[in-house]
Amino acid sequence: MKTTFLFQRGNYVLMLSGIALIVLGFILMIGGGSEDPNVYNPELFSARRIVVAPFLIVVGFAVEVWAIMRKPKAE
């Protein structure tokens, strides 16, 4: 009896890379706060946190959708 999987190996690789992109995006958003709430830290609004990180997260979700919707090759 042969076990068949829902996705092929390529789909799983794409899913893992999409998850990695999402996690990397959230890691890039970490930090920028201040120890003292009365002190302003301009690093809070850096381009990395408001442009790059959200872009990586959206791309990661797009890769996830592509990995799920990708049709397996006929064997």
PDB file of N, CA and C in Angstrom:
ATOM      1  N   MET A   1       0.845  -1.172   0.000  1.00  0.00           N
ATOM      2  CA  MET A   1       0.000   0.000   0.000  1.00  0.00           C
ATOM      3  C   MET A   1       0.897   1.244   0.000  1.00  0.00           C
ATOM      4  N   LYS A   2       0.746   2.060  -1.014  1.00  0.00           N
ATOM      5  CA  LYS A   2       1.573   3.250  -1.157  1.00  0.00           C
ATOM      6  C   LYS A   2       0.882   4.450  -0.501  1.00  0.00           C
ATOM      7  N   THR A   3       1.658   5.173   0.304  1.00  0.00           N
ATOM      8  CA  THR A   3       1.131   6.364   0.959  1.00  0.00           C
ATOM      9  C   THR A   3       1.273   7.550   0.019  1.00  0.00           C
ATOM     10  N   THR A   4       0.189   8.285  -0.154  1.00  0.00           N
ATOM     11  CA  THR A   4       0.251   9.480  -0.996  1.00  0.00           C
ATOM     12  C   THR A   4       0.074  10.708  -0.117  1.00  0.00           C
ATOM     13  N   PHE A   5       0.884  11.711  -0.394  1.00  0.00           N
ATOM     14  CA  PHE A   5       0.808  12.952   0.348  1.00  0.00           C
ATOM     15  C   PHE A   5       0.017  13.974  -0.445  1.00  0.00           C
ATOM     16  N   LEU A   6      -0.557  14.929   0.255  1.00  0.00           N
ATOM     17  CA  LEU A   6      -1.345  15.964  -0.387  1.00  0.00           C
ATOM     18  C   LEU A   6      -0.470  16.867  -1.251  1.00  0.00           C
ATOM     19  N   PHE A   7       0.736  17.194  -0.758  1.00  0.00           N
ATOM     20  CA  PHE A   7       1.660  18.060  -1.475  1.00  0.00           C
ATOM     21  C   PHE A   7       2.926  17.300  -1.807  1.00  0.00           C
ATOM     22  N   GLN A   8       3.643  17.816  -2.803  1.00  0.00           N
ATOM     23  CA  GLN A   8       4.940  17.244  -3.136  1.00  0.00           C
ATOM     24  C   GLN A   8       6.030  17.949  -2.348  1.00  0.00           C
ATOM     25  N   ARG A   9       7.248  17.458  -2.489  1.00  0.00           N
ATOM     26  CA  ARG A   9       8.377  18.011  -1.740  1.00  0.00           C
ATOM     27  C   ARG A   9       8.573  19.497  -2.033  1.00  0.00           C
ATOM     28  N   GLY A  10       8.409  19.908  -3.286  1.00  0.00           N
ATOM     29  CA  GLY A  10       8.578  21.312  -3.655  1.00  0.00           C
ATOM     30  C   GLY A  10       7.594  22.230  -2.950  1.00  0.00           C
ATOM     31  N   ASN A  11       6.372  21.754  -2.764  1.00  0.00           N
ATOM     32  CA  ASN A  11       5.379  22.542  -2.037  1.00  0.00           C
ATOM     33  C   ASN A  11       5.800  22.761  -0.592  1.00  0.00           C
ATOM     34  N   TYR A  12       6.312  21.715   0.032  1.00  0.00           N
ATOM     35  CA  TYR A  12       6.743  21.841   1.422  1.00  0.00           C
ATOM     36  C   TYR A  12       7.952  22.771   1.554  1.00  0.00           C
ATOM     37  N   VAL A  13       8.855  22.712   0.586  1.00  0.00           N
ATOM     38  CA  VAL A  13      10.006  23.613   0.607  1.00  0.00           C
ATOM     39  C   VAL A  13       9.541  25.060   0.483  1.00  0.00           C
ATOM     40  N   LEU A  14       8.582  25.318  -0.408  1.00  0.00           N
ATOM     41  CA  LEU A  14       8.039  26.666  -0.551  1.00  0.00           C
ATOM     42  C   LEU A  14       7.325  27.119   0.723  1.00  0.00           C
ATOM     43  N   MET A  15       6.605  26.213   1.358  1.00  0.00           N
ATOM     44  CA  MET A  15       5.916  26.567   2.595  1.00  0.00           C
ATOM     45  C   MET A  15       6.911  26.945   3.691  1.00  0.00           C
ATOM     46  N   LEU A  16       7.975  26.164   3.801  1.00  0.00           N
ATOM     47  CA  LEU A  16       8.982  26.472   4.821  1.00  0.00           C
ATOM     48  C   LEU A  16       9.695  27.789   4.530  1.00  0.00           C
ATOM     49  N   SER A  17       9.946  28.068   3.252  1.00  0.00           N
ATOM     50  CA  SER A  17      10.592  29.346   2.922  1.00  0.00           C
ATOM     51  C   SER A  17       9.636  30.511   3.185  1.00  0.00           C
ATOM     52  N   GLY A  18       8.354  30.336   2.944  1.00  0.00           N
ATOM     53  CA  GLY A  18       7.380  31.370   3.257  1.00  0.00           C
ATOM     54  C   GLY A  18       7.308  31.639   4.751  1.00  0.00           C
ATOM     55  N   ILE A  19       7.327  30.584   5.548  1.00  0.00           N
ATOM     56  CA  ILE A  19       7.329  30.746   7.000  1.00  0.00           C
ATOM     57  C   ILE A  19       8.594  31.460   7.445  1.00  0.00           C
ATOM     58  N   ALA A  20       9.726  31.114   6.831  1.00  0.00           N
ATOM     59  CA  ALA A  20      10.993  31.770   7.181  1.00  0.00           C
ATOM     60  C   ALA A  20      10.937  33.268   6.867  1.00  0.00           C
ATOM     61  N   LEU A  21      10.337  33.641   5.749  1.00  0.00           N
ATOM     62  CA  LEU A  21      10.207  35.059   5.405  1.00  0.00           C
ATOM     63  C   LEU A  21       9.311  35.793   6.404  1.00  0.00           C
ATOM     64  N   ILE A  22       8.231  35.164   6.805  1.00  0.00           N
ATOM     65  CA  ILE A  22       7.324  35.783   7.774  1.00  0.00           C
ATOM     66  C   ILE A  22       8.029  35.980   9.113  1.00  0.00           C
ATOM     67  N   VAL A  23       8.728  34.961   9.570  1.00  0.00           N
ATOM     68  CA  VAL A  23       9.447  35.058  10.844  1.00  0.00           C
ATOM     69  C   VAL A  23      10.540  36.118  10.757  1.00  0.00           C
ATOM     70  N   LEU A  24      11.267  36.166   9.642  1.00  0.00           N
ATOM     71  CA  LEU A  24      12.301  37.184   9.469  1.00  0.00           C
ATOM     72  C   LEU A  24      11.704  38.587   9.509  1.00  0.00           C
ATOM     73  N   GLY A  25      10.546  38.765   8.888  1.00  0.00           N
ATOM     74  CA  GLY A  25       9.876  40.063   8.933  1.00  0.00           C
ATOM     75  C   GLY A  25       9.522  40.484  10.345  1.00  0.00           C
ATOM     76  N   PHE A  26       9.018  39.555  11.141  1.00  0.00           N
ATOM     77  CA  PHE A  26       8.685  39.891  12.525  1.00  0.00           C
ATOM     78  C   PHE A  26       9.938  40.147  13.354  1.00  0.00           C
ATOM     79  N   ILE A  27      11.006  39.423  13.080  1.00  0.00           N
ATOM     80  CA  ILE A  27      12.266  39.661  13.795  1.00  0.00           C
ATOM     81  C   ILE A  27      12.793  41.053  13.480  1.00  0.00           C
ATOM     82  N   LEU A  28      12.664  41.492  12.220  1.00  0.00           N
ATOM     83  CA  LEU A  28      13.138  42.822  11.848  1.00  0.00           C
ATOM     84  C   LEU A  28      12.325  43.937  12.513  1.00  0.00           C
ATOM     85  N   MET A  29      11.115  43.642  12.936  1.00  0.00           N
ATOM     86  CA  MET A  29      10.294  44.645  13.612  1.00  0.00           C
ATOM     87  C   MET A  29      10.625  44.789  15.099  1.00  0.00           C
ATOM     88  N   ILE A  30      11.377  43.859  15.642  1.00  0.00           N
ATOM     89  CA  ILE A  30      11.670  43.868  17.074  1.00  0.00           C
ATOM     90  C   ILE A  30      12.557  45.060  17.431  1.00  0.00           C
ATOM     91  N   GLY A  31      12.326  45.602  18.597  1.00  0.00           N
ATOM     92  CA  GLY A  31      13.200  46.638  19.148  1.00  0.00           C
ATOM     93  C   GLY A  31      12.742  48.039  18.815  1.00  0.00           C
ATOM     94  N   GLY A  32      13.638  48.988  19.050  1.00  0.00           N
ATOM     95  CA  GLY A  32      13.341  50.377  18.753  1.00  0.00           C
ATOM     96  C   GLY A  32      12.678  51.124  19.879  1.00  0.00           C
ATOM     97  N   GLY A  33      12.385  50.423  20.950  1.00  0.00           N
ATOM     98  CA  GLY A  33      11.746  51.077  22.080  1.00  0.00           C
ATOM     99  C   GLY A  33      12.767  51.819  22.925  1.00  0.00           C
ATOM    100  N   SER A  34      12.295  52.385  23.970  1.00  0.00           N
ATOM    101  CA  SER A  34      13.153  53.132  24.879  1.00  0.00           C
ATOM    102  C   SER A  34      12.942  52.607  26.289  1.00  0.00           C
ATOM    103  N   GLU A  35      14.017  52.601  27.063  1.00  0.00           N
ATOM    104  CA  GLU A  35      13.906  52.163  28.462  1.00  0.00           C
ATOM    105  C   GLU A  35      13.033  53.124  29.262  1.00  0.00           C
ATOM    106  N   ASP A  36      13.130  54.402  28.942  1.00  0.00           N
ATOM    107  CA  ASP A  36      12.365  55.435  29.636  1.00  0.00           C
ATOM    108  C   ASP A  36      11.222  55.889  28.722  1.00  0.00           C
ATOM    109  N   PRO A  37       9.965  55.754  29.140  1.00  0.00           N
ATOM    110  CA  PRO A  37       8.850  56.139  28.269  1.00  0.00           C
ATOM    111  C   PRO A  37       8.774  57.641  27.997  1.00  0.00           C
ATOM    112  N   ASN A  38       9.504  58.445  28.733  1.00  0.00           N
ATOM    113  CA  ASN A  38       9.500  59.883  28.518  1.00  0.00           C
ATOM    114  C   ASN A  38      10.536  60.330  27.492  1.00  0.00           C
ATOM    115  N   VAL A  39      11.350  59.395  27.001  1.00  0.00           N
ATOM    116  CA  VAL A  39      12.411  59.712  26.043  1.00  0.00           C
ATOM    117  C   VAL A  39      12.000  59.177  24.675  1.00  0.00           C
ATOM    118  N   TYR A  40      12.062  60.051  23.672  1.00  0.00           N
ATOM    119  CA  TYR A  40      11.704  59.661  22.296  1.00  0.00           C
ATOM    120  C   TYR A  40      12.906  59.014  21.624  1.00  0.00           C
ATOM    121  N   ASN A  41      12.664  57.893  20.972  1.00  0.00           N
ATOM    122  CA  ASN A  41      13.713  57.205  20.230  1.00  0.00           C
ATOM    123  C   ASN A  41      13.310  57.189  18.751  1.00  0.00           C
ATOM    124  N   PRO A  42      13.995  57.945  17.891  1.00  0.00           N
ATOM    125  CA  PRO A  42      13.609  57.984  16.468  1.00  0.00           C
ATOM    126  C   PRO A  42      13.817  56.662  15.733  1.00  0.00           C
ATOM    127  N   GLU A  43      14.561  55.749  16.328  1.00  0.00           N
ATOM    128  CA  GLU A  43      14.782  54.432  15.711  1.00  0.00           C
ATOM    129  C   GLU A  43      13.470  53.650  15.607  1.00  0.00           C
ATOM    130  N   LEU A  44      12.484  54.042  16.361  1.00  0.00           N
ATOM    131  CA  LEU A  44      11.174  53.391  16.319  1.00  0.00           C
ATOM    132  C   LEU A  44      10.560  53.448  14.924  1.00  0.00           C
ATOM    133  N   PHE A  45      10.823  54.534  14.192  1.00  0.00           N
ATOM    134  CA  PHE A  45      10.240  54.725  12.865  1.00  0.00           C
ATOM    135  C   PHE A  45      11.273  54.567  11.763  1.00  0.00           C
ATOM    136  N   SER A  46      12.196  53.624  11.911  1.00  0.00           N
ATOM    137  CA  SER A  46      13.206  53.400  10.876  1.00  0.00           C
ATOM    138  C   SER A  46      12.563  52.722   9.662  1.00  0.00           C
ATOM    139  N   ALA A  47      13.209  52.849   8.531  1.00  0.00           N
ATOM    140  CA  ALA A  47      12.700  52.243   7.293  1.00  0.00           C
ATOM    141  C   ALA A  47      12.640  50.727   7.407  1.00  0.00           C
ATOM    142  N   ARG A  48      13.541  50.167   8.178  1.00  0.00           N
ATOM    143  CA  ARG A  48      13.539  48.712   8.358  1.00  0.00           C
ATOM    144  C   ARG A  48      12.240  48.251   9.011  1.00  0.00           C
ATOM    145  N   ARG A  49      11.744  49.019   9.973  1.00  0.00           N
ATOM    146  CA  ARG A  49      10.546  48.607  10.706  1.00  0.00           C
ATOM    147  C   ARG A  49       9.244  48.946   9.994  1.00  0.00           C
ATOM    148  N   ILE A  50       9.215  50.017   9.218  1.00  0.00           N
ATOM    149  CA  ILE A  50       7.937  50.408   8.619  1.00  0.00           C
ATOM    150  C   ILE A  50       7.844  50.111   7.134  1.00  0.00           C
ATOM    151  N   VAL A  51       8.944  49.667   6.503  1.00  0.00           N
ATOM    152  CA  VAL A  51       8.892  49.347   5.072  1.00  0.00           C
ATOM    153  C   VAL A  51       9.350  47.913   4.816  1.00  0.00           C
ATOM    154  N   VAL A  52      10.575  47.604   5.217  1.00  0.00           N
ATOM    155  CA  VAL A  52      11.178  46.309   4.862  1.00  0.00           C
ATOM    156  C   VAL A  52      10.467  45.147   5.554  1.00  0.00           C
ATOM    157  N   ALA A  53      10.273  45.243   6.857  1.00  0.00           N
ATOM    158  CA  ALA A  53       9.668  44.135   7.601  1.00  0.00           C
ATOM    159  C   ALA A  53       8.238  43.818   7.140  1.00  0.00           C
ATOM    160  N   PRO A  54       7.350  44.812   7.003  1.00  0.00           N
ATOM    161  CA  PRO A  54       6.009  44.474   6.501  1.00  0.00           C
ATOM    162  C   PRO A  54       6.030  43.916   5.075  1.00  0.00           C
ATOM    163  N   PHE A  55       6.953  44.412   4.246  1.00  0.00           N
ATOM    164  CA  PHE A  55       7.078  43.885   2.881  1.00  0.00           C
ATOM    165  C   PHE A  55       7.459  42.404   2.915  1.00  0.00           C
ATOM    166  N   LEU A  56       8.412  42.038   3.766  1.00  0.00           N
ATOM    167  CA  LEU A  56       8.812  40.634   3.874  1.00  0.00           C
ATOM    168  C   LEU A  56       7.661  39.759   4.374  1.00  0.00           C
ATOM    169  N   ILE A  57       6.873  40.285   5.283  1.00  0.00           N
ATOM    170  CA  ILE A  57       5.742  39.512   5.800  1.00  0.00           C
ATOM    171  C   ILE A  57       4.702  39.280   4.706  1.00  0.00           C
ATOM    172  N   VAL A  58       4.394  40.306   3.938  1.00  0.00           N
ATOM    173  CA  VAL A  58       3.415  40.151   2.847  1.00  0.00           C
ATOM    174  C   VAL A  58       3.943  39.190   1.792  1.00  0.00           C
ATOM    175  N   VAL A  59       5.225  39.299   1.449  1.00  0.00           N
ATOM    176  CA  VAL A  59       5.821  38.372   0.473  1.00  0.00           C
ATOM    177  C   VAL A  59       5.784  36.946   1.028  1.00  0.00           C
ATOM    178  N   GLY A  60       6.048  36.786   2.316  1.00  0.00           N
ATOM    179  CA  GLY A  60       5.984  35.459   2.930  1.00  0.00           C
ATOM    180  C   GLY A  60       4.594  34.846   2.835  1.00  0.00           C
ATOM    181  N   PHE A  61       3.561  35.657   3.073  1.00  0.00           N
ATOM    182  CA  PHE A  61       2.196  35.145   2.935  1.00  0.00           C
ATOM    183  C   PHE A  61       1.863  34.822   1.479  1.00  0.00           C
ATOM    184  N   ALA A  62       2.366  35.613   0.549  1.00  0.00           N
ATOM    185  CA  ALA A  62       2.151  35.328  -0.877  1.00  0.00           C
ATOM    186  C   ALA A  62       2.827  34.014  -1.268  1.00  0.00           C
ATOM    187  N   VAL A  63       4.019  33.773  -0.750  1.00  0.00           N
ATOM    188  CA  VAL A  63       4.709  32.507  -1.024  1.00  0.00           C
ATOM    189  C   VAL A  63       3.924  31.345  -0.436  1.00  0.00           C
ATOM    190  N   GLU A  64       3.349  31.535   0.739  1.00  0.00           N
ATOM    191  CA  GLU A  64       2.529  30.481   1.342  1.00  0.00           C
ATOM    192  C   GLU A  64       1.321  30.146   0.464  1.00  0.00           C
ATOM    193  N   VAL A  65       0.644  31.162  -0.028  1.00  0.00           N
ATOM    194  CA  VAL A  65      -0.519  30.925  -0.898  1.00  0.00           C
ATOM    195  C   VAL A  65      -0.080  30.220  -2.169  1.00  0.00           C
ATOM    196  N   TRP A  66       1.035  30.650  -2.745  1.00  0.00           N
ATOM    197  CA  TRP A  66       1.547  30.023  -3.962  1.00  0.00           C
ATOM    198  C   TRP A  66       1.913  28.560  -3.701  1.00  0.00           C
ATOM    199  N   ALA A  67       2.527  28.284  -2.549  1.00  0.00           N
ATOM    200  CA  ALA A  67       2.914  26.920  -2.226  1.00  0.00           C
ATOM    201  C   ALA A  67       1.691  26.016  -2.071  1.00  0.00           C
ATOM    202  N   ILE A  68       0.627  26.546  -1.522  1.00  0.00           N
ATOM    203  CA  ILE A  68      -0.593  25.748  -1.353  1.00  0.00           C
ATOM    204  C   ILE A  68      -1.319  25.550  -2.683  1.00  0.00           C
ATOM    205  N   MET A  69      -1.362  26.587  -3.502  1.00  0.00           N
ATOM    206  CA  MET A  69      -2.119  26.518  -4.750  1.00  0.00           C
ATOM    207  C   MET A  69      -1.345  25.860  -5.894  1.00  0.00           C
ATOM    208  N   ARG A  70      -0.053  25.697  -5.749  1.00  0.00           N
ATOM    209  CA  ARG A  70       0.780  25.127  -6.809  1.00  0.00           C
ATOM    210  C   ARG A  70       0.352  23.699  -7.095  1.00  0.00           C
ATOM    211  N   LYS A  71       0.103  23.439  -8.349  1.00  0.00           N
ATOM    212  CA  LYS A  71      -0.370  22.118  -8.746  1.00  0.00           C
ATOM    213  C   LYS A  71       0.811  21.162  -8.857  1.00  0.00           C
ATOM    214  N   PRO A  72       0.685  19.971  -8.287  1.00  0.00           N
ATOM    215  CA  PRO A  72       1.789  19.005  -8.377  1.00  0.00           C
ATOM    216  C   PRO A  72       1.964  18.518  -9.822  1.00  0.00           C
ATOM    217  N   LYS A  73       3.204  18.221 -10.154  1.00  0.00           N
ATOM    218  CA  LYS A  73       3.490  17.715 -11.499  1.00  0.00           C
ATOM    219  C   LYS A  73       3.012  16.274 -11.606  1.00  0.00           C
ATOM    220  N   ALA A  74       2.520  15.935 -12.788  1.00  0.00           N
ATOM    221  CA  ALA A  74       2.018  14.568 -13.005  1.00  0.00           C
ATOM    222  C   ALA A  74       3.186  13.597 -13.030  1.00  0.00           C
ATOM    223  N   GLU A  75       2.969  12.474 -12.418  1.00  0.00           N
ATOM    224  CA  GLU A  75       4.038  11.461 -12.362  1.00  0.00           C
ATOM    225  C   GLU A  75       3.843  10.422 -13.426  1.00  0.00           C
TER     226      GLU A  75
END
